Structures are given as structure tokens and as C-alpha cells.
Amino acid sequence: MMAKIGYVKIARVLSGLTRSGTSVEWTGLVDDLSRMLAADNPRFDRERFLRACLGDRQVSAREFDQRLSTQAAMIRDMRGDPE
């Protein structure tokens, strides 16, 4: 299990990156990483990590999940993929 300082350092790196990819790629990366870290440590605060990665924007994990789901649905529609 990783120590809290490891989570803080990861969030700092992610928040400082230039987001050169699409918004979906960025949110997907942050989502995948936050879920992996939560699986590693039951005391991991996913909402706090999301806020740290996304900068000053206030977002709850639920809002983040809804936004990610909406973006994924839009991509499926654009591609013509079945749900």
C-alpha cells in the first residue's frame, strides 16, 4: 500500500501536466488512476485526489463519474458504436 505522500506527489504531477490530449483522454487517465489507488488503499479519498488533479475546480466523484460517462456516450455516438 502506498503512503499518503505518494498520492500527493502523483496529484501534483498530474495537475501540472499540459493537457495535450483530448478532454476524454485526460479524464480517463485521472479516473483510471483514482480507481486503481482506491483499490490499493480503502482509506484513499478519491474526491480529494480528483480535486487535486483537476486544480481549483471543485468536483465530486459522482459529478466526475457522470461527466466521464457522458463523454464516453458522446464518443460512442460519434463512432456509431453500440452501447
C-alpha atoms as a PDB file:
ATOM      1  CA  MET A   1       0.000   0.000   0.000  1.00  0.00           C
ATOM      2  CA  MET A   2       1.268   3.456  -0.914  1.00  0.00           C
ATOM      3  CA  ALA A   3       1.705   6.196   1.682  1.00  0.00           C
ATOM      4  CA  LYS A   4      -0.284   9.442   1.503  1.00  0.00           C
ATOM      5  CA  ILE A   5       2.753  11.359   0.258  1.00  0.00           C
ATOM      6  CA  GLY A   6       2.778   9.150  -2.834  1.00  0.00           C
ATOM      7  CA  TYR A   7      -0.799  10.111  -3.663  1.00  0.00           C
ATOM      8  CA  VAL A   8       0.011  13.783  -3.134  1.00  0.00           C
ATOM      9  CA  LYS A   9       3.018  13.591  -5.458  1.00  0.00           C
ATOM     10  CA  ILE A  10       1.005  11.856  -8.184  1.00  0.00           C
ATOM     11  CA  ALA A  11      -1.728  14.504  -7.971  1.00  0.00           C
ATOM     12  CA  ARG A  12       0.871  17.288  -8.195  1.00  0.00           C
ATOM     13  CA  VAL A  13       2.402  15.765 -11.310  1.00  0.00           C
ATOM     14  CA  LEU A  14      -0.985  15.304 -12.972  1.00  0.00           C
ATOM     15  CA  SER A  15      -2.200  18.799 -12.114  1.00  0.00           C
ATOM     16  CA  GLY A  16       0.956  20.303 -13.608  1.00  0.00           C
ATOM     17  CA  LEU A  17       0.796  18.454 -16.914  1.00  0.00           C
ATOM     18  CA  THR A  18      -0.178  20.211 -20.086  1.00  0.00           C
ATOM     19  CA  ARG A  19      -3.335  18.582 -21.294  1.00  0.00           C
ATOM     20  CA  SER A  20      -2.308  17.975 -24.874  1.00  0.00           C
ATOM     21  CA  GLY A  21      -4.738  15.122 -25.471  1.00  0.00           C
ATOM     22  CA  THR A  22      -8.493  15.280 -25.610  1.00  0.00           C
ATOM     23  CA  SER A  23     -10.567  16.003 -22.544  1.00  0.00           C
ATOM     24  CA  VAL A  24     -11.773  12.413 -22.611  1.00  0.00           C
ATOM     25  CA  GLU A  25      -8.219  11.069 -22.569  1.00  0.00           C
ATOM     26  CA  TRP A  26      -7.351  13.303 -19.622  1.00  0.00           C
ATOM     27  CA  THR A  27     -10.425  12.448 -17.585  1.00  0.00           C
ATOM     28  CA  GLY A  28     -10.000   8.788 -18.448  1.00  0.00           C
ATOM     29  CA  LEU A  29      -6.428   8.826 -17.161  1.00  0.00           C
ATOM     30  CA  VAL A  30      -7.399  10.556 -13.931  1.00  0.00           C
ATOM     31  CA  ASP A  31     -10.373   8.210 -13.484  1.00  0.00           C
ATOM     32  CA  ASP A  32      -8.357   5.028 -14.069  1.00  0.00           C
ATOM     33  CA  LEU A  33      -5.616   6.165 -11.742  1.00  0.00           C
ATOM     34  CA  SER A  34      -8.007   7.240  -8.978  1.00  0.00           C
ATOM     35  CA  ARG A  35      -9.800   3.885  -9.098  1.00  0.00           C
ATOM     36  CA  MET A  36      -6.501   1.989  -9.005  1.00  0.00           C
ATOM     37  CA  LEU A  37      -5.334   3.970  -5.982  1.00  0.00           C
ATOM     38  CA  ALA A  38      -8.690   3.473  -4.226  1.00  0.00           C
ATOM     39  CA  ALA A  39      -8.378  -0.284  -4.768  1.00  0.00           C
ATOM     40  CA  ASP A  40      -4.887  -0.132  -3.253  1.00  0.00           C
ATOM     41  CA  ASN A  41      -5.991   1.683  -0.112  1.00  0.00           C
ATOM     42  CA  PRO A  42      -9.512   1.633   1.373  1.00  0.00           C
ATOM     43  CA  ARG A  43      -8.787   4.949   3.143  1.00  0.00           C
ATOM     44  CA  PHE A  44      -7.908   6.683  -0.148  1.00  0.00           C
ATOM     45  CA  ASP A  45     -10.036   9.828  -0.614  1.00  0.00           C
ATOM     46  CA  ARG A  46     -10.955   9.761  -4.305  1.00  0.00           C
ATOM     47  CA  GLU A  47     -12.769  13.120  -4.264  1.00  0.00           C
ATOM     48  CA  ARG A  48      -9.802  14.852  -2.681  1.00  0.00           C
ATOM     49  CA  PHE A  49      -7.486  13.285  -5.261  1.00  0.00           C
ATOM     50  CA  LEU A  50      -9.768  14.368  -8.131  1.00  0.00           C
ATOM     51  CA  ARG A  51      -9.829  17.942  -6.832  1.00  0.00           C
ATOM     52  CA  ALA A  52      -6.038  17.938  -6.530  1.00  0.00           C
ATOM     53  CA  CYS A  53      -5.584  16.620 -10.079  1.00  0.00           C
ATOM     54  CA  LEU A  54      -8.126  18.956 -11.618  1.00  0.00           C
ATOM     55  CA  GLY A  55      -6.750  22.061  -9.928  1.00  0.00           C
ATOM     56  CA  ASP A  56      -9.065  24.630  -8.410  1.00  0.00           C
ATOM     57  CA  ARG A  57     -12.201  23.191  -9.987  1.00  0.00           C
ATOM     58  CA  GLN A  58     -14.479  21.745  -7.339  1.00  0.00           C
ATOM     59  CA  VAL A  59     -15.816  18.382  -8.394  1.00  0.00           C
ATOM     60  CA  SER A  60     -17.309  15.477  -6.532  1.00  0.00           C
ATOM     61  CA  ALA A  61     -16.503  11.918  -7.523  1.00  0.00           C
ATOM     62  CA  ARG A  62     -20.140  11.465  -8.523  1.00  0.00           C
ATOM     63  CA  GLU A  63     -20.086  14.533 -10.808  1.00  0.00           C
ATOM     64  CA  PHE A  64     -16.791  13.371 -12.282  1.00  0.00           C
ATOM     65  CA  ASP A  65     -18.197   9.892 -12.983  1.00  0.00           C
ATOM     66  CA  GLN A  66     -21.307  11.379 -14.619  1.00  0.00           C
ATOM     67  CA  ARG A  67     -19.208  13.671 -16.802  1.00  0.00           C
ATOM     68  CA  LEU A  68     -16.956  10.798 -17.845  1.00  0.00           C
ATOM     69  CA  SER A  69     -19.976   8.635 -18.667  1.00  0.00           C
ATOM     70  CA  THR A  70     -21.486  11.428 -20.779  1.00  0.00           C
ATOM     71  CA  GLN A  71     -18.224  11.912 -22.681  1.00  0.00           C
ATOM     72  CA  ALA A  72     -17.943   8.185 -23.350  1.00  0.00           C
ATOM     73  CA  ALA A  73     -21.528   8.102 -24.672  1.00  0.00           C
ATOM     74  CA  MET A  74     -20.783  11.036 -26.984  1.00  0.00           C
ATOM     75  CA  ILE A  75     -17.756   9.217 -28.399  1.00  0.00           C
ATOM     76  CA  ARG A  76     -19.798   6.046 -28.948  1.00  0.00           C
ATOM     77  CA  ASP A  77     -22.432   8.106 -30.782  1.00  0.00           C
ATOM     78  CA  MET A  78     -19.823   9.795 -32.971  1.00  0.00           C
ATOM     79  CA  ARG A  79     -18.279   6.438 -33.857  1.00  0.00           C
ATOM     80  CA  GLY A  80     -21.631   4.730 -34.294  1.00  0.00           C
ATOM     81  CA  ASP A  81     -20.689   2.129 -31.686  1.00  0.00           C
ATOM     82  CA  PRO A  82     -23.471   0.175 -29.997  1.00  0.00           C
ATOM     83  CA  GLU A  83     -23.918   0.792 -26.267  1.00  0.00           C
END
